[in-house]
Amino acid sequence: MTIYHQAIRRISLSLSRRGRGFSTLSSNRLRVCVVGTGPAGFYTAEKMLKAHQGAEVDVIDRLPSPFGLVRSGVAPDHPETKIVTNQFSKVAQHQRCSFFGNVTLGSSVSLSELRELYHVVVLAYGAESDRALGIPGEDLSGIHSAREFVWWYNGHPDGKNLNPDLKSTDTAVILGQGNVALDVARILLQSTSVLATTDIASHALAALEQSSIRLFIQLLDRDRMDLKVYLVGRRGPAQAACTAKELREILGIKDMSIHIKEVDLRKSPEDEEELKNNRIQRRVYELLSKAAASAPSHPSSSQRELHFVFFRKPDRFLDSGDDSGRVAGVCFEKTILKGTFPLYKWFLYMSLHACLFISMFRKLSTLSSVSPGKQIAVGTGLYEDLDCGLVLKSIGYKSVPVDGLPFDHEKGVVPNIRGRVLADTSGDPALLEKGLYVCGWLKRGPTGIVATNLHCAEETVASISEDVHQGVIASPSTLPKPGRQGLLQLLDNRSVRVVPFSGWEKIDSEEKRLGNLRRKPREKLTTWEDLLTAAT
């Protein structure tokens, strides 16, 4: 039996269990394909099913498992955030919806082929690459993106072989102070006994445990080595990009000392204005100030330290110099915010050589005035080194274009108007790619939380509905398309092993069974082979 017929049979059995049989191609159905099964993809599918009662919606993903960043991005100690997968599962089980996993846009099927098969194609595959700093030493061993590290501890099949070295260093530097940066720091600092009760990948837990054991043994030998994590930001605490919830959580880790320089907490008039107009930022600043005030004045016996470092931007990475090609530290340039020049800093800068001061002043004067809320970090020409053996760059995810897709490489998004894809980056609404839409990070950039995608999907689906009613999208009755059947036939011809939702349910069941043996919610299958075997 071919893969295609196996898939058809699985779908038929699934539909039969729902109380109806598998029907052949109906010419009056609107055929919709959503690429990507994270929050943006599933919210789009859900809204489409509700808005168009006759629509048939297929969601495809390159992984055998659905749910995108909810599965591979949300921290393992945040199970409450993952509850949304119950809602997404109901969407996938809807009688007019089908999930097809292990289908890669670009290799399994091209974008142009999808547009031929479906009336509407919505791209919601997110951002699976990373922004680069573009500074010397970025290719040294021991430097990873936060996305890679998150995939590693969350059991993404493309992240299992990362193998970050957690044994030979006692200091990690995380570049960035957003929620992802705080997640990464929390995983490094959290007790492994706490993490052991989550769905963290077993290989990550083992590596973290070995790191903790190494430190414990050294403590027994009285060769003290503290685990230190530095969260470094270009701007100040008034501009920290994290949420109060995430910050409160990491500040609450037991047996950990917090280090924040009091001088960094001093506010300028521009900072005061920012905080006055932003309740979230104000709460974050208050939490940081409280943590700094609560820190003990004498050295702590804590084995773990969390340092918040502000007003620093990476200038270059430092080589260990022993031919290992490993990172040994980061050289940071000190920064100030444009429009912010506190009096206490004048004494520092006035003590510098006049040429350096004049050079810095000219750099500031060439910048246009920046309003509160948009202050820019400007280098001062002063540098300092921070030794470390592990660097995690949390400076932003980046979407990847596919053939046939217009893409704004500068912004890292697909040019669009309310989700309607434009033929180029000019913004001309007359240059629409009919029938092609975007949602999620591919549409707006890597910002927001899970719920942000709900509003994003509503906007995109509203645009689709307008185009259907106004005849921009050809009527299914006048231009029928093969949709699901055509896609499955094409994938069968290419020997693509399709994983239907029933296959995911088998993966889900096996992971929960393995997790139960270890008193965990689930033990994730972390290789492509294991995932596909379990789905059979």
Protein backbone atom coordinates (compact mmCIF):
# COMPACT_ATOMS: atom_id res chain seq x y z
CA MET A 1 0.00 0.00 0.00
CA THR A 2 1.48 3.39 -0.99
CA ILE A 3 2.05 6.20 1.49
CA TYR A 4 -0.68 8.18 -0.25
CA HIS A 5 -3.26 5.43 0.18
CA GLN A 6 -2.15 4.88 3.77
CA ALA A 7 -2.72 8.56 4.46
CA ILE A 8 -6.11 8.49 2.74
CA ARG A 9 -7.07 5.41 4.74
CA ARG A 10 -6.00 7.03 8.04
CA ILE A 11 -8.00 10.16 7.24
CA SER A 12 -11.00 8.07 6.21
CA LEU A 13 -10.91 6.08 9.47
CA SER A 14 -10.51 9.29 11.45
CA LEU A 15 -13.48 10.88 9.74
CA SER A 16 -15.54 7.73 10.22
CA ARG A 17 -14.91 7.91 13.96
CA ARG A 18 -16.34 11.41 13.85
CA GLY A 19 -19.53 10.04 12.41
CA ARG A 20 -19.07 10.63 8.70
CA GLY A 21 -17.19 9.07 5.82
CA PHE A 22 -14.43 10.52 3.69
CA SER A 23 -16.02 12.36 0.77
CA THR A 24 -14.54 12.89 -2.65
CA LEU A 25 -13.71 16.27 -4.13
CA SER A 26 -16.57 18.75 -3.79
CA SER A 27 -16.34 21.47 -6.42
CA ASN A 28 -18.01 24.13 -4.30
CA ARG A 29 -15.56 24.05 -1.38
CA LEU A 30 -13.10 26.85 -0.70
CA ARG A 31 -9.72 25.11 -0.43
CA VAL A 32 -7.40 26.65 2.15
CA CYS A 33 -3.87 25.60 3.09
CA VAL A 34 -2.13 26.97 6.18
CA VAL A 35 1.64 26.43 6.33
CA GLY A 36 2.84 26.21 9.93
CA THR A 37 1.06 24.74 12.94
CA GLY A 38 2.13 27.08 15.70
CA PRO A 39 -0.31 29.52 17.33
CA ALA A 40 -0.52 31.73 14.23
CA GLY A 41 -1.31 28.74 12.01
CA PHE A 42 -3.91 27.14 14.25
CA TYR A 43 -5.63 30.40 15.11
CA THR A 44 -5.88 31.12 11.38
CA ALA A 45 -7.33 27.67 10.70
CA GLU A 46 -9.83 28.06 13.53
CA LYS A 47 -10.98 31.48 12.34
CA MET A 48 -11.26 30.27 8.73
CA LEU A 49 -13.42 27.30 9.72
CA LYS A 50 -15.77 29.61 11.62
CA ALA A 51 -15.89 32.36 9.00
CA HIS A 52 -16.40 30.07 5.99
CA GLN A 53 -18.74 27.19 6.74
CA GLY A 54 -17.98 25.45 3.44
CA ALA A 55 -14.21 25.83 3.58
CA GLU A 56 -11.86 22.86 3.77
CA VAL A 57 -8.70 23.75 5.68
CA ASP A 58 -5.44 21.79 5.62
CA VAL A 59 -2.55 22.68 7.95
CA ILE A 60 0.92 21.42 7.10
CA ASP A 61 4.17 21.44 9.04
CA ARG A 62 7.70 20.30 8.33
CA LEU A 63 7.81 18.48 11.69
CA PRO A 64 5.89 15.28 12.43
CA SER A 65 4.54 17.07 15.51
CA PRO A 66 2.24 20.11 15.52
CA PHE A 67 2.05 23.23 17.73
CA GLY A 68 5.26 25.02 16.69
CA LEU A 69 6.75 27.22 19.41
CA VAL A 70 4.19 26.07 21.96
CA ARG A 71 5.99 22.72 21.87
CA SER A 72 9.54 23.75 21.00
CA GLY A 73 9.71 27.33 22.29
CA VAL A 74 7.69 27.64 25.49
CA ALA A 75 9.87 26.85 28.52
CA PRO A 76 9.34 23.39 30.05
CA ASP A 77 8.48 24.93 33.43
CA HIS A 78 5.57 26.85 31.89
CA PRO A 79 2.97 24.09 31.45
CA GLU A 80 0.09 26.53 31.83
CA THR A 81 1.08 28.21 28.56
CA LYS A 82 0.96 24.87 26.75
CA ILE A 83 -2.68 24.21 27.65
CA VAL A 84 -3.60 26.02 24.44
CA THR A 85 -2.61 22.83 22.55
CA ASN A 86 -5.93 21.33 23.70
CA GLN A 87 -7.73 24.04 21.76
CA PHE A 88 -5.49 23.52 18.73
CA SER A 89 -6.11 19.76 18.82
CA LYS A 90 -9.84 20.37 18.53
CA VAL A 91 -9.18 22.48 15.45
CA ALA A 92 -7.09 19.71 13.87
CA GLN A 93 -9.87 17.20 14.64
CA HIS A 94 -12.56 19.36 13.03
CA GLN A 95 -14.35 17.50 10.27
CA ARG A 96 -13.30 20.08 7.67
CA CYS A 97 -9.67 20.30 8.82
CA SER A 98 -6.68 17.99 8.34
CA PHE A 99 -3.14 18.08 9.67
CA PHE A 100 -0.26 16.85 7.50
CA GLY A 101 3.09 16.64 9.28
CA ASN A 102 6.54 15.92 7.86
CA VAL A 103 5.71 18.10 4.85
CA THR A 104 8.32 20.76 4.10
CA LEU A 105 7.50 23.85 2.08
CA GLY A 106 10.17 24.16 -0.60
CA SER A 107 11.28 20.52 -0.82
CA SER A 108 8.16 18.39 -0.29
CA VAL A 109 5.99 20.88 -2.15
CA SER A 110 6.73 24.31 -3.61
CA LEU A 111 4.82 27.49 -2.90
CA SER A 112 3.74 27.75 -6.53
CA GLU A 113 2.33 24.21 -6.36
CA LEU A 114 0.35 25.01 -3.23
CA ARG A 115 -1.10 28.07 -4.93
CA GLU A 116 -2.20 25.89 -7.83
CA LEU A 117 -3.81 23.35 -5.50
CA TYR A 118 -5.60 25.77 -3.17
CA HIS A 119 -7.70 28.92 -3.50
CA VAL A 120 -6.05 30.40 -0.40
CA VAL A 121 -2.57 29.81 1.00
CA VAL A 122 -1.64 31.31 4.37
CA LEU A 123 2.02 31.25 5.39
CA ALA A 124 2.43 31.09 9.16
CA TYR A 125 5.67 29.15 9.55
CA GLY A 126 7.28 31.70 11.87
CA ALA A 127 10.99 32.33 12.24
CA GLU A 128 13.43 29.43 12.34
CA SER A 129 16.69 31.30 11.96
CA ASP A 130 18.58 33.96 13.91
CA ARG A 131 19.79 37.48 13.54
CA ALA A 132 23.55 37.90 13.50
CA LEU A 133 25.55 40.52 15.39
CA GLY A 134 28.14 40.76 12.64
CA ILE A 135 31.06 41.32 15.03
CA PRO A 136 34.49 39.63 15.18
CA GLY A 137 34.65 36.19 16.77
CA GLU A 138 30.97 35.34 16.31
CA ASP A 139 31.89 31.94 14.85
CA LEU A 140 33.88 30.81 17.92
CA SER A 141 32.88 27.57 19.61
CA GLY A 142 30.73 28.10 22.69
CA ILE A 143 28.62 30.82 21.11
CA HIS A 144 25.04 29.81 20.33
CA SER A 145 21.79 31.52 19.55
CA ALA A 146 19.10 31.44 22.21
CA ARG A 147 16.82 29.74 19.67
CA GLU A 148 19.28 26.86 19.30
CA PHE A 149 19.57 26.52 23.07
CA VAL A 150 15.78 26.61 23.50
CA TRP A 151 15.35 23.95 20.81
CA TRP A 152 18.00 21.87 22.60
CA TYR A 153 16.32 21.81 25.98
CA ASN A 154 12.82 21.54 24.49
CA GLY A 155 13.64 18.43 22.46
CA HIS A 156 13.31 19.84 18.94
CA PRO A 157 14.72 17.17 16.57
CA ASP A 158 16.99 19.77 14.93
CA GLY A 159 18.41 20.83 18.29
CA LYS A 160 19.42 17.59 19.97
CA ASN A 161 23.02 17.66 18.72
CA LEU A 162 23.80 21.18 19.93
CA ASN A 163 25.71 19.85 22.98
CA PRO A 164 26.52 23.15 24.73
CA ASP A 165 29.53 22.79 27.01
CA LEU A 166 28.19 23.24 30.53
CA LYS A 167 31.06 21.45 32.25
CA SER A 168 34.19 23.47 31.52
CA THR A 169 32.91 26.94 32.39
CA ASP A 170 31.36 28.60 35.39
CA THR A 171 30.15 31.73 33.58
CA ALA A 172 27.53 32.25 30.89
CA VAL A 173 26.77 35.54 29.16
CA ILE A 174 23.33 36.04 27.65
CA LEU A 175 23.05 38.92 25.19
CA GLY A 176 19.59 40.41 25.50
CA GLN A 177 17.08 40.97 28.28
CA GLY A 178 13.78 39.93 26.72
CA ASN A 179 11.57 37.03 27.77
CA VAL A 180 13.54 34.46 25.78
CA ALA A 181 16.77 35.61 27.44
CA LEU A 182 15.15 35.26 30.85
CA ASP A 183 13.85 31.79 29.95
CA VAL A 184 17.35 30.68 29.00
CA ALA A 185 18.86 32.15 32.16
CA ARG A 186 16.21 30.49 34.31
CA ILE A 187 16.90 27.06 32.79
CA LEU A 188 20.62 27.49 33.50
CA LEU A 189 20.05 28.61 37.09
CA GLN A 190 17.02 26.59 38.15
CA SER A 191 17.45 23.56 40.36
CA THR A 192 17.53 20.38 38.27
CA SER A 193 15.19 18.75 40.80
CA VAL A 194 12.58 21.30 39.73
CA LEU A 195 13.29 20.83 36.02
CA ALA A 196 13.11 17.03 36.39
CA THR A 197 9.34 17.29 36.94
CA THR A 198 8.81 19.11 33.62
CA ASP A 199 8.88 17.93 30.01
CA ILE A 200 12.46 19.16 29.48
CA ALA A 201 14.38 16.92 27.07
CA SER A 202 16.26 14.13 28.86
CA HIS A 203 19.59 14.97 27.19
CA ALA A 204 19.31 18.59 28.39
CA LEU A 205 18.42 17.57 31.93
CA ALA A 206 21.38 15.17 32.02
CA ALA A 207 23.76 17.91 30.86
CA LEU A 208 22.43 20.36 33.45
CA GLU A 209 22.69 17.72 36.18
CA GLN A 210 26.29 16.96 35.24
CA SER A 211 27.08 20.64 35.44
CA SER A 212 25.55 20.85 38.91
CA ILE A 213 27.40 17.69 40.03
CA ARG A 214 30.71 19.18 38.86
CA LEU A 215 30.13 22.31 40.90
CA PHE A 216 29.06 20.30 43.93
CA ILE A 217 32.15 18.11 43.80
CA GLN A 218 34.38 21.16 43.58
CA LEU A 219 32.62 22.64 46.58
CA LEU A 220 33.35 19.47 48.54
CA ASP A 221 36.97 19.83 47.55
CA ARG A 222 36.82 23.45 48.76
CA ASP A 223 37.75 24.68 45.32
CA ARG A 224 34.91 27.18 45.13
CA MET A 225 33.41 27.81 41.71
CA ASP A 226 30.10 29.68 41.47
CA LEU A 227 27.77 29.40 38.50
CA LYS A 228 27.33 32.92 37.17
CA VAL A 229 24.89 34.09 34.52
CA TYR A 230 25.07 37.60 33.10
CA LEU A 231 22.06 39.13 31.33
CA VAL A 232 23.45 42.00 29.27
CA GLY A 233 21.43 44.77 27.62
CA ARG A 234 22.36 47.73 25.43
CA ARG A 235 20.01 50.10 27.23
CA GLY A 236 18.96 50.60 30.83
CA PRO A 237 16.52 48.99 33.28
CA ALA A 238 13.80 51.41 32.23
CA GLN A 239 13.95 49.89 28.73
CA ALA A 240 14.31 46.19 29.67
CA ALA A 241 12.30 44.18 27.15
CA CYS A 242 11.00 41.45 29.47
CA THR A 243 7.59 41.24 31.10
CA ALA A 244 7.02 41.57 34.83
CA LYS A 245 5.77 37.98 35.03
CA GLU A 246 8.97 36.54 33.55
CA LEU A 247 11.17 38.80 35.63
CA ARG A 248 9.33 37.98 38.86
CA GLU A 249 9.78 34.29 38.13
CA ILE A 250 13.55 34.38 37.68
CA LEU A 251 14.03 36.68 40.66
CA GLY A 252 12.19 34.09 42.75
CA ILE A 253 14.65 31.24 42.17
CA LYS A 254 15.79 29.87 45.52
CA ASP A 255 19.40 29.92 46.70
CA MET A 256 20.49 32.45 44.10
CA SER A 257 22.02 35.88 44.58
CA ILE A 258 20.98 38.85 42.46
CA HIS A 259 23.50 41.48 41.36
CA ILE A 260 22.44 44.87 39.96
CA LYS A 261 24.61 47.99 40.10
CA GLU A 262 22.86 50.81 41.88
CA VAL A 263 24.33 53.35 39.48
CA ASP A 264 22.50 51.67 36.58
CA LEU A 265 19.14 52.21 38.29
CA ARG A 266 19.42 55.99 38.30
CA LYS A 267 16.79 57.48 36.01
CA SER A 268 17.06 60.38 33.60
CA PRO A 269 14.09 62.71 32.87
CA GLU A 270 13.56 60.77 29.64
CA ASP A 271 13.45 57.52 31.59
CA GLU A 272 10.92 59.04 33.97
CA GLU A 273 8.74 59.97 31.01
CA GLU A 274 8.98 56.48 29.55
CA LEU A 275 8.03 54.84 32.82
CA LYS A 276 5.20 57.28 33.39
CA ASN A 277 3.59 56.28 30.09
CA ASN A 278 4.21 52.52 30.25
CA ARG A 279 2.76 50.52 33.15
CA ILE A 280 4.54 47.29 32.16
CA GLN A 281 7.96 48.95 31.95
CA ARG A 282 7.31 50.73 35.23
CA ARG A 283 6.55 47.42 36.95
CA VAL A 284 9.71 45.83 35.50
CA TYR A 285 11.81 48.74 36.75
CA GLU A 286 10.24 48.49 40.21
CA LEU A 287 11.02 44.78 40.41
CA LEU A 288 14.65 45.36 39.43
CA SER A 289 14.98 48.17 41.96
CA LYS A 290 13.49 46.05 44.71
CA ALA A 291 15.81 43.15 43.85
CA ALA A 292 18.83 45.44 44.00
CA ALA A 293 17.76 46.88 47.35
CA SER A 294 17.15 43.42 48.78
CA ALA A 295 20.54 42.07 47.79
CA PRO A 296 22.81 41.34 50.80
CA SER A 297 25.66 43.76 51.30
CA HIS A 298 28.06 40.97 52.29
CA PRO A 299 29.23 38.13 50.00
CA SER A 300 26.65 35.41 49.61
CA SER A 301 27.28 31.71 50.11
CA SER A 302 24.96 31.02 47.19
CA GLN A 303 26.30 28.73 44.52
CA ARG A 304 24.43 30.58 41.77
CA GLU A 305 24.57 34.22 40.76
CA LEU A 306 22.44 36.25 38.37
CA HIS A 307 23.91 39.54 37.17
CA PHE A 308 21.87 42.17 35.33
CA VAL A 309 24.25 44.29 33.28
CA PHE A 310 22.96 47.44 31.57
CA PHE A 311 24.39 49.98 29.12
CA ARG A 312 26.69 47.53 27.34
CA LYS A 313 26.81 46.39 23.72
CA PRO A 314 29.04 43.58 22.42
CA ASP A 315 31.97 44.81 20.36
CA ARG A 316 33.78 41.51 19.75
CA PHE A 317 34.15 38.01 21.14
CA LEU A 318 37.45 36.99 22.70
CA ASP A 319 39.33 33.87 21.66
CA SER A 320 40.74 31.55 24.31
CA GLY A 321 44.08 31.70 22.47
CA ASP A 322 44.85 28.00 22.94
CA ASP A 323 44.01 26.90 19.39
CA SER A 324 40.73 25.36 20.59
CA GLY A 325 38.72 28.02 18.81
CA ARG A 326 36.58 28.51 21.93
CA VAL A 327 35.16 31.73 23.23
CA ALA A 328 36.84 33.05 26.37
CA GLY A 329 34.94 36.28 26.87
CA VAL A 330 33.13 39.25 25.39
CA CYS A 331 34.47 42.75 24.89
CA PHE A 332 31.68 45.24 25.58
CA GLU A 333 31.45 48.90 24.69
CA LYS A 334 29.78 51.02 27.33
CA THR A 335 26.75 52.93 26.10
CA ILE A 336 24.59 55.86 27.01
CA LEU A 337 21.13 56.69 25.76
CA LYS A 338 20.68 59.50 23.28
CA GLY A 339 19.16 62.40 25.16
CA THR A 340 20.28 60.96 28.49
CA PHE A 341 23.47 62.24 30.10
CA PRO A 342 23.15 62.01 33.90
CA LEU A 343 25.34 64.32 35.95
CA TYR A 344 27.15 61.49 37.73
CA LYS A 345 28.49 60.27 34.38
CA TRP A 346 30.03 63.64 33.51
CA PHE A 347 32.74 63.10 36.10
CA LEU A 348 33.69 59.84 34.42
CA TYR A 349 33.78 61.21 30.89
CA MET A 350 35.49 64.48 31.79
CA SER A 351 38.36 62.44 33.17
CA LEU A 352 39.02 60.97 29.75
CA HIS A 353 41.35 62.34 27.14
CA ALA A 354 39.79 65.35 25.42
CA CYS A 355 39.98 63.76 21.96
CA LEU A 356 37.94 60.78 23.07
CA PHE A 357 35.33 63.03 24.66
CA ILE A 358 35.05 65.23 21.59
CA SER A 359 34.72 62.17 19.34
CA MET A 360 31.91 60.81 21.47
CA PHE A 361 30.18 64.19 21.61
CA ARG A 362 30.26 64.49 17.83
CA LYS A 363 28.75 61.02 17.51
CA LEU A 364 25.86 62.08 19.72
CA SER A 365 25.36 65.40 17.94
CA THR A 366 24.99 63.74 14.55
CA LEU A 367 21.94 61.84 15.72
CA SER A 368 18.52 63.37 15.36
CA SER A 369 16.52 64.03 18.51
CA VAL A 370 14.90 60.92 19.92
CA SER A 371 11.60 61.09 21.75
CA PRO A 372 11.03 59.32 25.07
CA GLY A 373 10.24 55.65 24.50
CA LYS A 374 12.65 55.46 21.57
CA GLN A 375 15.96 56.27 23.16
CA ILE A 376 18.94 54.86 21.32
CA ALA A 377 21.98 53.24 22.88
CA VAL A 378 25.12 55.02 21.68
CA GLY A 379 28.67 53.76 22.17
CA THR A 380 30.99 55.87 24.29
CA GLY A 381 34.35 54.51 23.17
CA LEU A 382 34.93 52.93 26.58
CA TYR A 383 35.38 49.17 26.67
CA GLU A 384 35.53 46.38 29.21
CA ASP A 385 35.98 42.62 28.96
CA LEU A 386 33.85 39.98 30.62
CA ASP A 387 35.32 36.48 30.87
CA CYS A 388 33.01 33.57 30.08
CA GLY A 389 32.97 30.17 28.41
CA LEU A 390 29.41 30.20 27.08
CA VAL A 391 27.56 32.92 25.15
CA LEU A 392 23.89 32.77 24.20
CA LYS A 393 22.65 35.43 21.77
CA SER A 394 19.05 36.41 22.42
CA ILE A 395 18.95 39.24 19.91
CA GLY A 396 16.00 38.17 17.77
CA TYR A 397 14.67 35.40 15.58
CA LYS A 398 14.68 35.71 11.79
CA SER A 399 12.23 34.33 9.25
CA VAL A 400 13.51 32.49 6.21
CA PRO A 401 12.04 33.10 2.74
CA VAL A 402 11.16 30.37 0.24
CA ASP A 403 11.27 30.43 -3.54
CA GLY A 404 8.49 32.47 -5.04
CA LEU A 405 7.82 34.46 -1.87
CA PRO A 406 8.38 38.24 -1.80
CA PHE A 407 10.53 39.07 1.22
CA ASP A 408 11.78 42.18 2.97
CA HIS A 409 15.26 41.12 4.05
CA GLU A 410 15.88 44.30 6.03
CA LYS A 411 12.79 43.84 8.22
CA GLY A 412 12.80 40.06 8.08
CA VAL A 413 9.13 39.84 7.10
CA VAL A 414 6.95 39.27 4.05
CA PRO A 415 5.69 42.61 2.69
CA ASN A 416 1.97 42.71 3.38
CA ILE A 417 -1.06 44.86 4.05
CA ARG A 418 -3.22 43.41 6.82
CA GLY A 419 -1.96 39.95 5.93
CA ARG A 420 -2.30 40.30 2.14
CA VAL A 421 1.06 39.54 0.54
CA LEU A 422 2.49 42.23 -1.73
CA ALA A 423 4.58 41.48 -4.79
CA ASP A 424 7.46 43.66 -3.54
CA THR A 425 8.50 45.94 -0.69
CA SER A 426 7.18 49.15 -2.25
CA GLY A 427 3.96 48.99 -0.26
CA ASP A 428 1.82 49.54 -3.35
CA PRO A 429 -1.58 47.96 -2.55
CA ALA A 430 -2.18 47.38 -6.24
CA LEU A 431 0.64 44.81 -6.30
CA LEU A 432 -1.15 42.05 -4.42
CA GLU A 433 -0.29 38.36 -4.70
CA LYS A 434 -3.87 37.13 -5.03
CA GLY A 435 -4.75 34.23 -2.80
CA LEU A 436 -1.51 34.46 -0.78
CA TYR A 437 -1.51 35.65 2.83
CA VAL A 438 0.72 35.70 5.93
CA CYS A 439 0.18 35.55 9.66
CA GLY A 440 2.34 35.55 12.79
CA TRP A 441 6.02 36.38 12.89
CA LEU A 442 6.33 36.13 9.12
CA LYS A 443 3.78 38.93 8.94
CA ARG A 444 4.79 41.28 11.76
CA GLY A 445 8.24 40.12 12.93
CA PRO A 446 9.22 38.05 16.00
CA THR A 447 7.27 39.97 18.62
CA GLY A 448 4.45 39.32 21.05
CA ILE A 449 3.21 36.39 23.10
CA VAL A 450 1.09 33.37 22.13
CA ALA A 451 -2.15 35.36 22.42
CA THR A 452 -0.81 38.08 20.11
CA ASN A 453 -1.26 35.63 17.25
CA LEU A 454 -4.99 35.46 17.88
CA HIS A 455 -5.50 39.10 16.93
CA CYS A 456 -3.01 38.71 14.09
CA ALA A 457 -5.00 35.76 12.70
CA GLU A 458 -8.28 37.64 13.02
CA GLU A 459 -6.88 40.43 10.88
CA THR A 460 -5.57 38.07 8.20
CA VAL A 461 -8.81 36.06 8.06
CA ALA A 462 -10.79 39.32 7.81
CA SER A 463 -8.70 40.23 4.75
CA ILE A 464 -9.33 36.78 3.23
CA SER A 465 -13.07 37.11 3.83
CA GLU A 466 -13.13 40.54 2.19
CA ASP A 467 -11.29 39.19 -0.84
CA VAL A 468 -13.63 36.20 -1.13
CA HIS A 469 -16.76 38.37 -0.96
CA GLN A 470 -15.36 40.96 -3.36
CA GLY A 471 -14.34 38.36 -5.92
CA VAL A 472 -10.59 38.98 -5.60
CA ILE A 473 -10.27 35.25 -4.97
CA ALA A 474 -11.91 33.18 -7.71
CA SER A 475 -15.15 31.50 -6.66
CA PRO A 476 -14.78 27.75 -5.99
CA SER A 477 -17.83 27.14 -8.20
CA THR A 478 -16.21 28.79 -11.22
CA LEU A 479 -12.65 27.65 -10.49
CA PRO A 480 -12.62 24.39 -8.50
CA LYS A 481 -9.28 23.28 -7.12
CA PRO A 482 -8.10 19.85 -5.95
CA GLY A 483 -6.89 20.95 -2.51
CA ARG A 484 -6.32 18.04 -0.13
CA GLN A 485 -6.57 15.23 -2.64
CA GLY A 486 -4.23 16.97 -5.03
CA LEU A 487 -1.69 17.60 -2.28
CA LEU A 488 -1.72 14.00 -1.06
CA GLN A 489 -1.33 12.70 -4.59
CA LEU A 490 1.62 15.02 -5.22
CA LEU A 491 3.30 13.99 -1.95
CA ASP A 492 2.72 10.31 -2.74
CA ASN A 493 4.37 10.74 -6.13
CA ARG A 494 7.42 12.15 -4.34
CA SER A 495 7.46 9.43 -1.68
CA VAL A 496 6.93 11.93 1.13
CA ARG A 497 5.89 10.17 4.32
CA VAL A 498 2.89 12.17 5.52
CA VAL A 499 2.08 12.13 9.24
CA PRO A 500 -1.65 12.74 9.82
CA PHE A 501 -3.05 13.91 13.14
CA SER A 502 -3.69 10.32 14.14
CA GLY A 503 0.07 9.79 13.74
CA TRP A 504 0.74 12.70 16.08
CA GLU A 505 -1.69 11.19 18.59
CA LYS A 506 0.48 8.05 18.61
CA ILE A 507 3.58 10.19 19.23
CA ASP A 508 1.74 12.02 21.99
CA SER A 509 0.65 8.76 23.62
CA GLU A 510 4.16 7.29 23.51
CA GLU A 511 5.76 10.43 24.97
CA LYS A 512 3.26 10.44 27.84
CA ARG A 513 3.89 6.75 28.48
CA LEU A 514 7.65 7.30 28.65
CA GLY A 515 7.16 10.39 30.81
CA ASN A 516 5.03 8.46 33.27
CA LEU A 517 7.93 6.08 33.84
CA ARG A 518 10.05 9.05 34.95
CA ARG A 519 7.28 10.93 36.74
CA LYS A 520 7.28 13.63 34.07
CA PRO A 521 4.34 14.99 32.01
CA ARG A 522 6.01 13.52 28.93
CA GLU A 523 9.40 12.34 27.68
CA LYS A 524 9.80 13.99 24.30
CA LEU A 525 11.02 11.99 21.34
CA THR A 526 13.92 14.05 20.07
CA THR A 527 15.01 12.46 16.79
CA TRP A 528 13.29 12.38 13.44
CA GLU A 529 13.59 8.61 13.36
CA ASP A 530 11.93 8.13 16.75
CA LEU A 531 9.13 10.55 15.90
CA LEU A 532 8.34 8.91 12.57
CA THR A 533 8.55 5.42 14.07
CA ALA A 534 6.12 6.32 16.84
CA ALA A 535 3.74 7.88 14.31
CA THR A 536 3.42 4.62 12.35
